[in-house]
């Protein structure tokens, strides 16, 4: 009985270690994604502030979109907003 309990305890420890490694990897991936999103939002806000083709209220609206909807607002700014005035 002693040998079996030692084997079961070792198996349980291995499963726990695998789960801990997976948790750490997931946390690391989420941290990298969060930092990338933060960098994107900061870049979008700086770009909005430096834009010369928009007036003050338009800049405030774009900045509000970027802050309220970080991913969609930032991508919208870089995809559409920054180029919208250049086309006109």
N, C-alpha and C. Protein backbone atom coordinates (compact mmCIF):
# COMPACT_ATOMS: atom_id res chain seq x y z
N UNK A 1 0.82 -1.18 0.00
CA UNK A 1 0.00 0.00 0.00
C UNK A 1 0.87 1.25 0.00
N UNK A 2 2.00 1.20 0.62
CA UNK A 2 2.89 2.32 0.70
C UNK A 2 3.43 2.73 -0.67
N UNK A 3 3.77 1.75 -1.50
CA UNK A 3 4.30 2.04 -2.82
C UNK A 3 3.25 2.73 -3.69
N UNK A 4 2.02 2.26 -3.57
CA UNK A 4 0.95 2.84 -4.39
C UNK A 4 0.65 4.29 -3.99
N UNK A 5 0.65 4.55 -2.71
CA UNK A 5 0.38 5.92 -2.29
C UNK A 5 1.50 6.86 -2.71
N UNK A 6 2.74 6.38 -2.72
CA UNK A 6 3.86 7.20 -3.17
C UNK A 6 3.74 7.49 -4.67
N UNK A 7 3.32 6.49 -5.44
CA UNK A 7 3.14 6.68 -6.89
C UNK A 7 2.00 7.66 -7.15
N UNK A 8 0.91 7.51 -6.42
CA UNK A 8 -0.22 8.43 -6.58
C UNK A 8 0.14 9.85 -6.18
N UNK A 9 0.91 9.98 -5.11
CA UNK A 9 1.33 11.31 -4.67
C UNK A 9 2.26 11.95 -5.71
N UNK A 10 3.14 11.17 -6.31
CA UNK A 10 4.02 11.69 -7.35
C UNK A 10 3.23 12.10 -8.59
N UNK A 11 2.24 11.30 -8.95
CA UNK A 11 1.40 11.63 -10.11
C UNK A 11 0.60 12.90 -9.85
N UNK A 12 0.10 13.04 -8.64
CA UNK A 12 -0.65 14.25 -8.29
C UNK A 12 0.26 15.47 -8.32
N UNK A 13 1.49 15.33 -7.87
CA UNK A 13 2.43 16.44 -7.88
C UNK A 13 2.78 16.81 -9.32
N UNK A 14 2.92 15.84 -10.21
CA UNK A 14 3.21 16.13 -11.62
C UNK A 14 2.06 16.86 -12.28
N UNK A 15 0.82 16.47 -11.99
CA UNK A 15 -0.33 17.14 -12.57
C UNK A 15 -0.41 18.58 -12.08
N UNK A 16 -0.13 18.79 -10.81
CA UNK A 16 -0.18 20.13 -10.24
C UNK A 16 0.90 21.02 -10.87
N UNK A 17 2.08 20.46 -11.09
CA UNK A 17 3.17 21.21 -11.71
C UNK A 17 2.80 21.61 -13.13
N UNK A 18 2.22 20.71 -13.88
CA UNK A 18 1.81 21.02 -15.25
C UNK A 18 0.76 22.12 -15.26
N UNK A 19 -0.16 22.05 -14.31
CA UNK A 19 -1.20 23.07 -14.23
C UNK A 19 -0.60 24.42 -13.85
N UNK A 20 0.37 24.42 -12.96
CA UNK A 20 1.01 25.67 -12.56
C UNK A 20 1.78 26.28 -13.73
N UNK A 21 2.46 25.45 -14.50
CA UNK A 21 3.20 25.95 -15.65
C UNK A 21 2.25 26.54 -16.68
N UNK A 22 1.13 25.87 -16.91
CA UNK A 22 0.14 26.38 -17.86
C UNK A 22 -0.45 27.70 -17.37
N UNK A 23 -0.69 27.80 -16.08
CA UNK A 23 -1.22 29.04 -15.51
C UNK A 23 -0.23 30.18 -15.65
N UNK A 24 1.04 29.92 -15.40
CA UNK A 24 2.07 30.94 -15.53
C UNK A 24 2.21 31.37 -16.99
N UNK A 25 2.16 30.41 -17.90
CA UNK A 25 2.26 30.74 -19.32
C UNK A 25 1.07 31.59 -19.77
N UNK A 26 -0.12 31.24 -19.31
CA UNK A 26 -1.31 32.02 -19.66
C UNK A 26 -1.22 33.43 -19.09
N UNK A 27 -0.79 33.54 -17.85
CA UNK A 27 -0.62 34.86 -17.23
C UNK A 27 0.40 35.69 -17.99
N UNK A 28 1.49 35.07 -18.40
CA UNK A 28 2.51 35.78 -19.17
C UNK A 28 1.98 36.27 -20.51
N UNK A 29 1.21 35.42 -21.18
CA UNK A 29 0.63 35.80 -22.47
C UNK A 29 -0.37 36.95 -22.30
N UNK A 30 -1.17 36.90 -21.25
CA UNK A 30 -2.12 37.98 -20.99
C UNK A 30 -1.40 39.28 -20.63
N UNK A 31 -0.31 39.17 -19.90
CA UNK A 31 0.46 40.37 -19.54
C UNK A 31 1.07 41.01 -20.78
N UNK A 32 1.58 40.20 -21.69
CA UNK A 32 2.15 40.73 -22.94
C UNK A 32 1.05 41.39 -23.77
N UNK A 33 -0.13 40.75 -23.85
CA UNK A 33 -1.24 41.32 -24.60
C UNK A 33 -1.70 42.64 -23.98
N UNK A 34 -1.75 42.71 -22.67
CA UNK A 34 -2.16 43.94 -22.00
C UNK A 34 -1.16 45.06 -22.24
N UNK A 35 0.12 44.75 -22.20
CA UNK A 35 1.14 45.76 -22.48
C UNK A 35 1.08 46.24 -23.93
N UNK A 36 0.82 45.31 -24.85
CA UNK A 36 0.69 45.68 -26.27
C UNK A 36 -0.52 46.60 -26.46
N UNK A 37 -1.64 46.29 -25.81
CA UNK A 37 -2.82 47.15 -25.90
C UNK A 37 -2.55 48.52 -25.30
N UNK A 38 -1.86 48.56 -24.18
CA UNK A 38 -1.51 49.83 -23.55
C UNK A 38 -0.63 50.67 -24.48
N UNK A 39 0.34 50.04 -25.12
CA UNK A 39 1.21 50.76 -26.05
C UNK A 39 0.41 51.27 -27.25
N UNK A 40 -0.53 50.48 -27.74
CA UNK A 40 -1.37 50.90 -28.87
C UNK A 40 -2.23 52.10 -28.48
N UNK A 41 -2.82 52.06 -27.30
CA UNK A 41 -3.67 53.16 -26.84
C UNK A 41 -2.84 54.44 -26.66
N UNK A 42 -1.68 54.32 -26.06
CA UNK A 42 -0.83 55.49 -25.87
C UNK A 42 -0.40 56.07 -27.21
N UNK A 43 -0.02 55.21 -28.14
CA UNK A 43 0.37 55.68 -29.47
C UNK A 43 -0.79 56.37 -30.17
N UNK A 44 -2.00 55.83 -30.04
CA UNK A 44 -3.17 56.44 -30.66
C UNK A 44 -3.46 57.80 -30.04
N UNK A 45 -3.39 57.90 -28.72
CA UNK A 45 -3.66 59.17 -28.06
C UNK A 45 -2.62 60.24 -28.44
N UNK A 46 -1.37 59.85 -28.52
CA UNK A 46 -0.32 60.78 -28.93
C UNK A 46 -0.56 61.22 -30.38
N UNK A 47 -0.92 60.28 -31.23
CA UNK A 47 -1.18 60.60 -32.62
C UNK A 47 -2.39 61.53 -32.77
N UNK A 48 -3.43 61.29 -32.00
CA UNK A 48 -4.60 62.18 -32.02
C UNK A 48 -4.19 63.57 -31.57
N UNK A 49 -3.42 63.67 -30.51
CA UNK A 49 -3.01 64.97 -29.99
C UNK A 49 -2.14 65.74 -30.98
N UNK A 50 -1.31 65.03 -31.72
CA UNK A 50 -0.41 65.68 -32.68
C UNK A 50 -1.06 65.97 -34.02
N UNK A 51 -2.23 65.46 -34.26
CA UNK A 51 -2.90 65.64 -35.54
C UNK A 51 -3.20 67.11 -35.79
N UNK A 52 -2.83 67.58 -36.96
CA UNK A 52 -3.09 68.97 -37.32
C UNK A 52 -4.33 69.12 -38.18
N UNK A 53 -4.89 68.01 -38.62
CA UNK A 53 -6.03 68.09 -39.53
C UNK A 53 -7.38 68.06 -38.82
N UNK A 54 -7.38 67.96 -37.50
CA UNK A 54 -8.63 67.95 -36.74
C UNK A 54 -8.66 69.13 -35.78
N UNK A 55 -9.87 69.62 -35.52
CA UNK A 55 -10.03 70.71 -34.56
C UNK A 55 -10.04 70.14 -33.14
N UNK A 56 -10.18 71.01 -32.17
CA UNK A 56 -10.13 70.58 -30.77
C UNK A 56 -11.23 69.61 -30.39
N UNK A 57 -12.48 69.90 -30.79
CA UNK A 57 -13.59 69.02 -30.40
C UNK A 57 -13.48 67.67 -31.09
N UNK A 58 -12.99 67.67 -32.33
CA UNK A 58 -12.82 66.39 -33.03
C UNK A 58 -11.73 65.54 -32.37
N UNK A 59 -10.68 66.19 -31.93
CA UNK A 59 -9.62 65.47 -31.22
C UNK A 59 -10.15 64.90 -29.91
N UNK A 60 -10.98 65.67 -29.22
CA UNK A 60 -11.56 65.18 -27.96
C UNK A 60 -12.45 63.97 -28.22
N UNK A 61 -13.23 64.02 -29.28
CA UNK A 61 -14.09 62.88 -29.63
C UNK A 61 -13.26 61.64 -29.94
N UNK A 62 -12.20 61.80 -30.74
CA UNK A 62 -11.36 60.65 -31.05
C UNK A 62 -10.67 60.12 -29.79
N UNK A 63 -10.17 61.01 -28.97
CA UNK A 63 -9.51 60.57 -27.73
C UNK A 63 -10.51 59.85 -26.83
N UNK A 64 -11.74 60.35 -26.77
CA UNK A 64 -12.78 59.67 -25.98
C UNK A 64 -13.07 58.27 -26.51
N UNK A 65 -13.13 58.13 -27.83
CA UNK A 65 -13.34 56.80 -28.41
C UNK A 65 -12.20 55.85 -28.06
N UNK A 66 -10.99 56.37 -28.13
CA UNK A 66 -9.82 55.54 -27.81
C UNK A 66 -9.83 55.13 -26.35
N UNK A 67 -10.24 56.02 -25.47
CA UNK A 67 -10.25 55.71 -24.04
C UNK A 67 -11.40 54.78 -23.67
N UNK A 68 -12.59 55.04 -24.23
CA UNK A 68 -13.75 54.21 -23.88
C UNK A 68 -13.68 52.82 -24.51
N UNK A 69 -13.25 52.78 -25.77
CA UNK A 69 -13.12 51.50 -26.49
C UNK A 69 -11.67 51.36 -26.94
N UNK A 70 -10.78 50.91 -26.05
CA UNK A 70 -9.34 50.96 -26.33
C UNK A 70 -8.92 50.27 -27.63
N UNK A 71 -9.34 49.05 -27.83
CA UNK A 71 -8.89 48.33 -29.01
C UNK A 71 -9.55 48.86 -30.27
N UNK A 72 -10.86 48.94 -30.26
CA UNK A 72 -11.60 49.39 -31.44
C UNK A 72 -11.29 50.86 -31.74
N UNK A 73 -11.22 51.70 -30.72
CA UNK A 73 -10.92 53.11 -30.92
C UNK A 73 -9.53 53.34 -31.49
N UNK A 74 -8.55 52.62 -30.98
CA UNK A 74 -7.18 52.77 -31.47
C UNK A 74 -7.06 52.29 -32.92
N UNK A 75 -7.62 51.12 -33.17
CA UNK A 75 -7.57 50.60 -34.54
C UNK A 75 -8.37 51.49 -35.49
N UNK A 76 -9.48 52.02 -35.01
CA UNK A 76 -10.27 52.95 -35.82
C UNK A 76 -9.48 54.20 -36.15
N UNK A 77 -8.77 54.73 -35.18
CA UNK A 77 -7.98 55.92 -35.42
C UNK A 77 -6.89 55.66 -36.46
N UNK A 78 -6.14 54.58 -36.26
CA UNK A 78 -5.05 54.30 -37.19
C UNK A 78 -5.55 53.83 -38.55
N UNK A 79 -6.71 53.19 -38.58
CA UNK A 79 -7.25 52.70 -39.84
C UNK A 79 -8.02 53.72 -40.63
N UNK A 80 -8.79 54.57 -39.95
CA UNK A 80 -9.70 55.48 -40.63
C UNK A 80 -9.44 56.93 -40.25
N UNK A 81 -9.40 57.24 -38.99
CA UNK A 81 -9.36 58.61 -38.51
C UNK A 81 -8.16 59.40 -38.96
N UNK A 82 -7.01 58.79 -38.90
CA UNK A 82 -5.78 59.50 -39.24
C UNK A 82 -5.75 59.85 -40.73
N UNK A 83 -6.37 59.02 -41.55
CA UNK A 83 -6.33 59.23 -42.99
C UNK A 83 -7.57 59.92 -43.54
N UNK A 84 -8.62 60.04 -42.73
CA UNK A 84 -9.88 60.56 -43.21
C UNK A 84 -9.74 62.01 -43.71
N UNK A 85 -9.06 62.85 -43.00
CA UNK A 85 -8.91 64.24 -43.38
C UNK A 85 -7.94 64.42 -44.54
N UNK A 86 -6.96 63.51 -44.68
CA UNK A 86 -5.99 63.60 -45.76
C UNK A 86 -6.65 63.39 -47.12
N UNK A 87 -7.71 62.59 -47.16
CA UNK A 87 -8.39 62.28 -48.40
C UNK A 87 -9.18 63.49 -48.90
N UNK A 88 -9.75 64.24 -48.00
CA UNK A 88 -10.58 65.39 -48.37
C UNK A 88 -9.84 66.47 -49.06
